[in-house]
Amino acid sequence: MRPEDLETNMLRQQILSGDLKTVVLDIDPDNIDVARMKFCADVISRGGLVCFPTETVYGLGADAFNEAAVENIFAAKGRPSDNPLIVHICDTDMTEQVASLNDAQRAAVQKLGEAFWPGPLTVIVNKSPAIPAAVTCGLDTVGVRMPDHPVARELIRLSRPIAAPSANLSGRPSPSRARHVQEDLCGRVDVIISGGDARVGVESTVLDVTGEVPVILRPGAVTREEIAEVLGACDEADWKKPADVDGKPRSPGMKYRHYSPKAEVVIYDGSDPAERRAAMARDGNEYAARGLNVGILTTDEGLEAFGDGFAVLTLGSSRNLPELTHSLFARLREFDERKTDVVLAEAIPEEGMGDAFMNRLYRAAGGTVVDIR
């Protein structure tokens, strides 16, 4: 028996016996360890939970057709039972396994898949009867996406479609690094695959194609303008308002306070950057005078506006929206490491990827915005 086979067999026996709750495996995306991947796929097929890297954030996965395994996702995360999951596939043929597409949906999925898959786009379509109600929380639609990460697609290929939300405790900032997953879910899942940092850093765009006009329910790296170029039209739901069906969210990230550090988050918005930052500094001093540890979340261009009395973190240059978005969740978690009580965060324009950034920041703040006009 090869050493790698012996290792995976030992790990399998430890999990099955209950002697080892969470295995952490390093897998290089550029040189995938086949034995380790087969071990992870075996865990999925046995009804276990595996956390895996994607290009957006890390996911917490289970067999999409195993209702008991899917219910364990909700238990591990502490996730509300009405917040639906996304089903991840590794090729377009798998779409037919998880969805019941009408002609219009099939045409839209084909066009979108050619343009954006594999990649950070989830498409909401009519669900297949084979998908358990636990995945969709009773809705008759399902979100489907093909991740752009070799480890994720190999895990799916070796098992079958995987239902997966982000691999964090419910309400916490989503994990863009393996250590974030370990902080939240060690002891709650069977396997955590460490496969490098997420490239995008926020969850996928969620696009509903079940109506006459496609509608973005959650913004992400694939923008409204890009989708409209492919489909000819695209609307976007007002993500500052709840959108649901009979009280249930139509998509992940629509109803609840999400992505939040332990600290209170307050957003400062306004057209004049100098006035916005002056208000943040003024209010930060007031919080500090009350004995609170104050964090400032800003851009490179805003660093000089704040003194030494705060924990000031930059997201990067305001001219680089992908960089800002990629850094957001990691910075929110860093404020927790610094034991910050309140985070004063600078808004950015809601255009391009700035839309996804502000959506996540707005959820993290629970909608608390100071408007400097």
Protein backbone atom coordinates (compact mmCIF):
# COMPACT_ATOMS: atom_id res chain seq x y z
CA MET A 1 0.00 0.00 0.00
CA ARG A 2 1.34 3.42 -0.94
CA PRO A 3 2.05 5.88 1.94
CA GLU A 4 -0.61 8.29 0.70
CA ASP A 5 -3.21 5.49 0.65
CA LEU A 6 -2.25 4.46 4.16
CA GLU A 7 -2.63 8.07 5.34
CA THR A 8 -6.11 8.48 3.89
CA ASN A 9 -7.27 5.10 5.18
CA MET A 10 -6.10 5.99 8.68
CA LEU A 11 -7.91 9.34 8.51
CA ARG A 12 -11.07 7.66 7.24
CA GLN A 13 -11.06 5.19 10.13
CA GLN A 14 -10.49 7.96 12.65
CA ILE A 15 -13.46 9.94 11.34
CA LEU A 16 -15.74 6.91 11.23
CA SER A 17 -14.76 5.91 14.77
CA GLY A 18 -15.26 9.43 16.09
CA ASP A 19 -11.64 9.67 17.27
CA LEU A 20 -10.96 12.62 14.95
CA LYS A 21 -13.63 15.23 14.28
CA THR A 22 -11.97 17.57 11.81
CA VAL A 23 -9.16 16.71 9.39
CA VAL A 24 -7.27 19.64 7.82
CA LEU A 25 -5.67 18.73 4.48
CA ASP A 26 -3.35 20.90 2.40
CA ILE A 27 -4.05 20.44 -1.31
CA ASP A 28 -2.12 22.44 -3.90
CA PRO A 29 -4.48 23.67 -6.66
CA ASP A 30 -1.59 23.51 -9.14
CA ASN A 31 -0.59 19.95 -8.17
CA ILE A 32 -3.69 18.19 -6.84
CA ASP A 33 -3.09 15.19 -4.59
CA VAL A 34 -5.43 12.59 -6.07
CA ALA A 35 -5.43 10.32 -3.01
CA ARG A 36 -6.43 13.17 -0.73
CA MET A 37 -9.15 14.30 -3.13
CA LYS A 38 -10.58 10.77 -3.28
CA PHE A 39 -10.61 10.70 0.50
CA CYS A 40 -12.56 13.98 0.60
CA ALA A 41 -15.00 12.73 -2.03
CA ASP A 42 -15.51 9.57 0.01
CA VAL A 43 -16.40 11.71 3.03
CA ILE A 44 -19.00 13.54 0.91
CA SER A 45 -20.45 10.26 -0.41
CA ARG A 46 -20.78 8.93 3.15
CA GLY A 47 -22.85 11.96 4.16
CA GLY A 48 -20.04 14.00 5.69
CA LEU A 49 -19.17 17.69 5.54
CA VAL A 50 -16.14 18.99 3.64
CA CYS A 51 -15.00 22.63 3.50
CA PHE A 52 -13.33 23.44 0.20
CA PRO A 53 -11.81 26.45 -1.59
CA THR A 54 -13.49 28.28 -4.44
CA GLU A 55 -12.55 31.46 -6.27
CA THR A 56 -15.21 33.42 -4.34
CA VAL A 57 -14.96 32.22 -0.71
CA TYR A 58 -14.52 28.85 0.97
CA GLY A 59 -17.61 26.63 0.87
CA LEU A 60 -19.08 24.13 3.35
CA GLY A 61 -20.22 21.20 1.22
CA ALA A 62 -22.40 18.12 1.45
CA ASP A 63 -23.98 15.74 -1.08
CA ALA A 64 -26.77 17.82 -2.63
CA PHE A 65 -29.04 14.76 -2.87
CA ASN A 66 -28.58 13.64 0.75
CA GLU A 67 -31.15 15.49 2.85
CA ALA A 68 -29.68 14.45 6.20
CA ALA A 69 -26.21 15.63 5.13
CA VAL A 70 -27.64 18.93 3.92
CA GLU A 71 -29.43 19.44 7.24
CA ASN A 72 -26.05 18.95 8.94
CA ILE A 73 -24.77 22.00 7.04
CA PHE A 74 -27.40 24.14 8.74
CA ALA A 75 -26.50 22.66 12.13
CA ALA A 76 -22.75 23.15 11.67
CA LYS A 77 -23.16 26.80 10.67
CA GLY A 78 -26.06 27.68 12.95
CA ARG A 79 -27.75 28.78 9.72
CA PRO A 80 -31.44 29.81 9.71
CA SER A 81 -33.54 27.01 8.25
CA ASP A 82 -35.17 29.28 5.64
CA ASN A 83 -31.92 30.47 4.02
CA PRO A 84 -31.44 28.41 0.81
CA LEU A 85 -28.19 26.83 -0.37
CA ILE A 86 -26.43 26.88 -3.74
CA VAL A 87 -25.69 23.65 -5.61
CA HIS A 88 -22.21 23.46 -7.13
CA ILE A 89 -21.51 21.52 -10.33
CA CYS A 90 -18.33 20.77 -12.29
CA ASP A 91 -19.72 20.73 -15.85
CA THR A 92 -22.80 21.99 -17.65
CA ASP A 93 -24.25 18.48 -18.04
CA MET A 94 -24.73 18.36 -14.27
CA THR A 95 -27.23 21.23 -14.54
CA GLU A 96 -29.82 18.75 -15.78
CA GLN A 97 -29.33 16.63 -12.65
CA VAL A 98 -30.29 19.43 -10.27
CA ALA A 99 -32.67 21.59 -12.33
CA SER A 100 -35.89 21.20 -14.32
CA LEU A 101 -35.23 23.76 -17.04
CA ASN A 102 -37.87 25.09 -19.38
CA ASP A 103 -36.80 26.23 -22.84
CA ALA A 104 -36.21 29.86 -21.80
CA GLN A 105 -34.16 28.87 -18.77
CA ARG A 106 -32.11 26.36 -20.77
CA ALA A 107 -31.27 29.01 -23.36
CA ALA A 108 -30.31 31.54 -20.66
CA VAL A 109 -28.16 29.03 -18.76
CA GLN A 110 -26.39 28.03 -21.97
CA LYS A 111 -25.53 31.64 -22.83
CA LEU A 112 -24.51 32.48 -19.28
CA GLY A 113 -22.48 29.31 -18.91
CA GLU A 114 -20.54 30.03 -22.10
CA ALA A 115 -19.80 33.56 -20.87
CA PHE A 116 -19.20 33.12 -17.14
CA TRP A 117 -18.75 29.44 -16.16
CA PRO A 118 -16.66 28.33 -14.49
CA GLY A 119 -16.86 31.50 -12.46
CA PRO A 120 -18.58 33.57 -9.77
CA LEU A 121 -22.15 33.43 -11.12
CA THR A 122 -25.07 31.53 -9.57
CA VAL A 123 -28.17 31.06 -11.71
CA ILE A 124 -31.57 30.49 -10.11
CA VAL A 125 -33.76 28.09 -12.10
CA ASN A 126 -36.60 25.63 -11.47
CA LYS A 127 -35.34 22.81 -9.26
CA SER A 128 -35.33 19.11 -10.03
CA PRO A 129 -37.56 16.89 -7.84
CA ALA A 130 -34.35 15.02 -6.95
CA ILE A 131 -33.09 18.00 -4.95
CA PRO A 132 -34.29 17.75 -1.32
CA ALA A 133 -36.43 20.51 0.13
CA ALA A 134 -33.67 21.16 2.71
CA VAL A 135 -31.43 22.56 -0.05
CA THR A 136 -33.97 25.11 -1.28
CA CYS A 137 -35.78 25.60 2.04
CA GLY A 138 -39.05 24.61 0.38
CA LEU A 139 -38.74 26.89 -2.65
CA ASP A 140 -39.41 25.44 -6.10
CA THR A 141 -36.21 27.04 -7.45
CA VAL A 142 -32.55 26.23 -6.92
CA GLY A 143 -29.33 28.20 -7.30
CA VAL A 144 -26.67 26.51 -9.46
CA ARG A 145 -23.07 27.49 -10.15
CA MET A 146 -19.80 26.07 -11.48
CA PRO A 147 -16.86 27.30 -9.37
CA ASP A 148 -13.63 28.42 -11.00
CA HIS A 149 -11.28 26.49 -8.73
CA PRO A 150 -9.62 23.20 -9.69
CA VAL A 151 -9.92 21.69 -6.20
CA ALA A 152 -13.64 22.46 -5.99
CA ARG A 153 -14.38 21.02 -9.42
CA GLU A 154 -12.31 17.91 -8.77
CA LEU A 155 -14.16 17.30 -5.50
CA ILE A 156 -17.48 17.55 -7.34
CA ARG A 157 -16.25 15.36 -10.21
CA LEU A 158 -15.19 12.60 -7.81
CA SER A 159 -18.50 12.74 -5.92
CA ARG A 160 -21.54 14.50 -7.44
CA PRO A 161 -23.26 17.91 -7.16
CA ILE A 162 -22.48 19.54 -3.83
CA ALA A 163 -24.74 21.88 -1.86
CA ALA A 164 -22.63 24.53 -0.17
CA PRO A 165 -22.98 27.89 1.55
CA SER A 166 -19.93 29.81 2.75
CA ALA A 167 -17.80 27.92 5.30
CA ASN A 168 -18.30 30.19 8.30
CA LEU A 169 -20.52 30.39 11.33
CA SER A 170 -23.79 32.04 10.34
CA GLY A 171 -23.57 35.82 10.46
CA ARG A 172 -19.76 35.97 10.54
CA PRO A 173 -17.63 37.42 7.73
CA SER A 174 -17.27 34.87 4.96
CA PRO A 175 -13.94 33.00 4.83
CA SER A 176 -11.52 33.96 2.10
CA ARG A 177 -8.67 31.98 3.71
CA ALA A 178 -8.46 28.46 5.11
CA ARG A 179 -7.56 29.72 8.56
CA HIS A 180 -10.85 31.62 8.68
CA VAL A 181 -12.65 28.31 8.15
CA GLN A 182 -10.62 26.67 10.90
CA GLU A 183 -11.43 29.52 13.29
CA ASP A 184 -15.17 29.01 12.78
CA LEU A 185 -15.73 25.35 11.97
CA CYS A 186 -13.01 23.14 13.45
CA GLY A 187 -14.83 20.47 15.46
CA ARG A 188 -18.05 21.03 13.49
CA VAL A 189 -17.12 19.46 10.13
CA ASP A 190 -15.26 16.37 8.94
CA VAL A 191 -12.67 17.87 6.60
CA ILE A 192 -11.25 21.31 5.84
CA ILE A 193 -9.28 21.54 2.59
CA SER A 194 -6.64 24.26 2.67
CA GLY A 195 -6.18 25.31 -0.93
CA GLY A 196 -4.95 28.90 -0.87
CA ASP A 197 -6.67 32.27 -0.62
CA ALA A 198 -9.88 32.95 -2.52
CA ARG A 199 -9.22 35.08 -5.60
CA VAL A 200 -12.46 37.12 -5.60
CA GLY A 201 -13.12 37.32 -1.86
CA VAL A 202 -16.93 37.73 -1.87
CA GLU A 203 -19.72 35.34 -2.78
CA SER A 204 -21.03 34.85 -6.31
CA THR A 205 -23.50 37.02 -8.15
CA VAL A 206 -26.96 35.42 -7.85
CA LEU A 207 -29.11 35.84 -10.96
CA ASP A 208 -32.77 34.75 -11.14
CA VAL A 209 -33.72 33.71 -14.68
CA THR A 210 -37.15 32.29 -13.86
CA GLY A 211 -39.01 35.47 -14.86
CA GLU A 212 -39.34 37.40 -18.10
CA VAL A 213 -36.37 39.64 -17.26
CA PRO A 214 -33.29 38.29 -15.41
CA VAL A 215 -32.87 39.85 -11.95
CA ILE A 216 -29.75 40.04 -9.80
CA LEU A 217 -30.71 39.10 -6.25
CA ARG A 218 -27.19 39.37 -4.84
CA PRO A 219 -24.43 41.34 -6.58
CA GLY A 220 -20.97 39.88 -7.04
CA ALA A 221 -17.99 39.90 -9.37
CA VAL A 222 -20.17 39.36 -12.45
CA THR A 223 -21.90 42.70 -12.89
CA ARG A 224 -25.31 43.73 -14.17
CA GLU A 225 -23.72 45.35 -17.21
CA GLU A 226 -21.84 42.15 -18.12
CA ILE A 227 -24.98 40.02 -17.81
CA ALA A 228 -27.02 42.47 -19.90
CA GLU A 229 -24.43 42.18 -22.69
CA VAL A 230 -25.07 38.43 -22.79
CA LEU A 231 -28.84 38.27 -22.25
CA GLY A 232 -29.88 41.66 -23.62
CA ALA A 233 -31.46 42.84 -20.36
CA CYS A 234 -30.88 42.55 -16.63
CA ASP A 235 -32.53 44.14 -13.60
CA GLU A 236 -31.28 44.21 -10.02
CA ALA A 237 -33.31 43.86 -6.85
CA ASP A 238 -32.96 46.61 -4.27
CA TRP A 239 -30.74 44.73 -1.82
CA LYS A 240 -31.45 47.27 0.92
CA LYS A 241 -34.97 45.84 1.11
CA PRO A 242 -35.92 42.24 1.98
CA ALA A 243 -36.98 40.17 -1.03
CA ASP A 244 -38.70 36.88 -0.31
CA VAL A 245 -41.33 34.38 -1.29
CA ASP A 246 -43.86 33.75 1.48
CA GLY A 247 -41.37 35.08 3.99
CA LYS A 248 -38.46 32.96 2.68
CA PRO A 249 -35.39 34.55 1.04
CA ARG A 250 -35.20 33.86 -2.70
CA SER A 251 -31.42 33.74 -2.45
CA PRO A 252 -28.67 33.53 0.17
CA GLY A 253 -27.64 36.91 1.57
CA MET A 254 -30.99 38.68 1.17
CA LYS A 255 -32.80 38.61 4.50
CA TYR A 256 -30.44 38.41 7.45
CA ARG A 257 -27.61 40.42 8.96
CA HIS A 258 -24.54 38.78 7.46
CA TYR A 259 -20.78 39.05 7.22
CA SER A 260 -20.49 40.80 10.59
CA PRO A 261 -17.49 40.96 12.90
CA LYS A 262 -18.10 40.92 16.63
CA ALA A 263 -17.78 44.70 16.62
CA GLU A 264 -20.59 47.07 15.72
CA VAL A 265 -20.16 48.35 12.16
CA VAL A 266 -21.23 51.86 11.06
CA ILE A 267 -20.99 52.98 7.43
CA TYR A 268 -20.14 56.59 6.55
CA ASP A 269 -21.44 57.65 3.14
CA GLY A 270 -21.35 60.95 1.26
CA SER A 271 -20.08 62.50 -1.93
CA ASP A 272 -17.17 64.45 -0.36
CA PRO A 273 -14.40 62.10 0.86
CA ALA A 274 -12.84 64.76 3.13
CA GLU A 275 -16.15 65.47 4.90
CA ARG A 276 -16.86 61.75 5.22
CA ARG A 277 -13.48 61.04 6.81
CA ALA A 278 -13.71 64.07 9.10
CA ALA A 279 -17.02 62.75 10.43
CA MET A 280 -15.47 59.32 10.98
CA ALA A 281 -12.56 60.85 12.91
CA ARG A 282 -14.89 63.03 15.00
CA ASP A 283 -17.20 60.16 15.91
CA GLY A 284 -14.24 57.85 16.44
CA ASN A 285 -12.85 60.23 19.07
CA GLU A 286 -16.24 60.28 20.78
CA TYR A 287 -16.37 56.47 20.89
CA ALA A 288 -12.80 56.36 22.19
CA ALA A 289 -13.65 58.86 24.94
CA ARG A 290 -16.26 56.38 26.12
CA GLY A 291 -13.56 53.74 26.50
CA LEU A 292 -14.30 51.81 23.29
CA ASN A 293 -11.69 50.35 20.98
CA VAL A 294 -12.33 52.02 17.61
CA GLY A 295 -11.53 50.58 14.21
CA ILE A 296 -11.40 52.59 10.98
CA LEU A 297 -11.93 50.84 7.64
CA THR A 298 -10.78 53.04 4.78
CA THR A 299 -8.77 53.12 1.55
CA ASP A 300 -5.15 54.02 0.88
CA GLU A 301 -6.28 57.53 -0.03
CA GLY A 302 -7.96 58.00 3.37
CA LEU A 303 -5.15 56.86 5.68
CA GLU A 304 -3.79 60.34 6.44
CA ALA A 305 -7.17 61.52 7.76
CA PHE A 306 -6.89 59.45 10.94
CA GLY A 307 -4.58 59.69 13.93
CA ASP A 308 -2.88 57.06 16.07
CA GLY A 309 -5.77 56.58 18.48
CA PHE A 310 -7.59 54.11 16.21
CA ALA A 311 -6.98 50.72 14.66
CA VAL A 312 -6.85 51.88 11.03
CA LEU A 313 -6.97 49.25 8.29
CA THR A 314 -6.89 49.93 4.56
CA LEU A 315 -8.64 47.87 1.92
CA GLY A 316 -6.34 49.10 -0.84
CA SER A 317 -6.60 51.82 -3.44
CA SER A 318 -10.02 53.30 -4.17
CA ARG A 319 -9.10 53.01 -7.85
CA ASN A 320 -8.96 49.21 -7.60
CA LEU A 321 -12.47 47.91 -6.84
CA PRO A 322 -11.55 44.20 -7.10
CA GLU A 323 -8.79 44.75 -4.51
CA LEU A 324 -11.15 46.55 -2.13
CA THR A 325 -13.74 43.81 -2.45
CA HIS A 326 -11.20 41.02 -2.06
CA SER A 327 -9.90 42.55 1.19
CA LEU A 328 -13.24 43.25 2.89
CA PHE A 329 -13.95 40.03 4.80
CA ALA A 330 -10.32 39.54 5.84
CA ARG A 331 -10.21 43.08 7.25
CA LEU A 332 -13.46 42.58 9.19
CA ARG A 333 -12.00 39.45 10.75
CA GLU A 334 -8.78 41.32 11.55
CA PHE A 335 -10.79 43.83 13.59
CA ASP A 336 -11.98 40.90 15.71
CA GLU A 337 -8.38 39.83 16.25
CA ARG A 338 -7.67 43.36 17.48
CA LYS A 339 -10.68 43.16 19.86
CA THR A 340 -12.32 46.21 18.30
CA ASP A 341 -15.65 47.37 19.74
CA VAL A 342 -16.88 49.52 16.87
CA VAL A 343 -15.78 49.79 13.23
CA LEU A 344 -16.36 53.01 11.29
CA ALA A 345 -16.29 52.06 7.61
CA GLU A 346 -15.98 54.31 4.59
CA ALA A 347 -18.47 53.73 1.77
CA ILE A 348 -17.43 53.47 -1.87
CA PRO A 349 -19.53 54.16 -5.00
CA GLU A 350 -22.05 51.41 -5.82
CA GLU A 351 -20.82 50.84 -9.35
CA GLY A 352 -19.17 47.79 -10.91
CA MET A 353 -17.80 45.59 -8.14
CA GLY A 354 -18.49 48.46 -5.74
CA ASP A 355 -22.08 47.20 -5.78
CA ALA A 356 -21.00 43.82 -4.34
CA PHE A 357 -18.70 45.54 -1.84
CA MET A 358 -21.42 47.82 -0.51
CA ASN A 359 -23.96 45.00 -0.39
CA ARG A 360 -21.68 43.00 1.93
CA LEU A 361 -20.72 46.04 4.02
CA TYR A 362 -24.37 47.08 4.36
CA ARG A 363 -25.28 43.59 5.62
CA ALA A 364 -22.32 43.61 8.02
CA ALA A 365 -23.55 46.92 9.46
CA GLY A 366 -27.14 45.74 9.71
CA GLY A 367 -28.08 48.73 7.55
CA THR A 368 -26.56 51.33 9.89
CA VAL A 369 -25.43 54.24 7.70
CA VAL A 370 -24.39 57.80 8.61
CA ASP A 371 -25.10 59.95 5.55
CA ILE A 372 -22.75 62.96 5.31
CA ARG A 373 -24.42 65.36 2.88
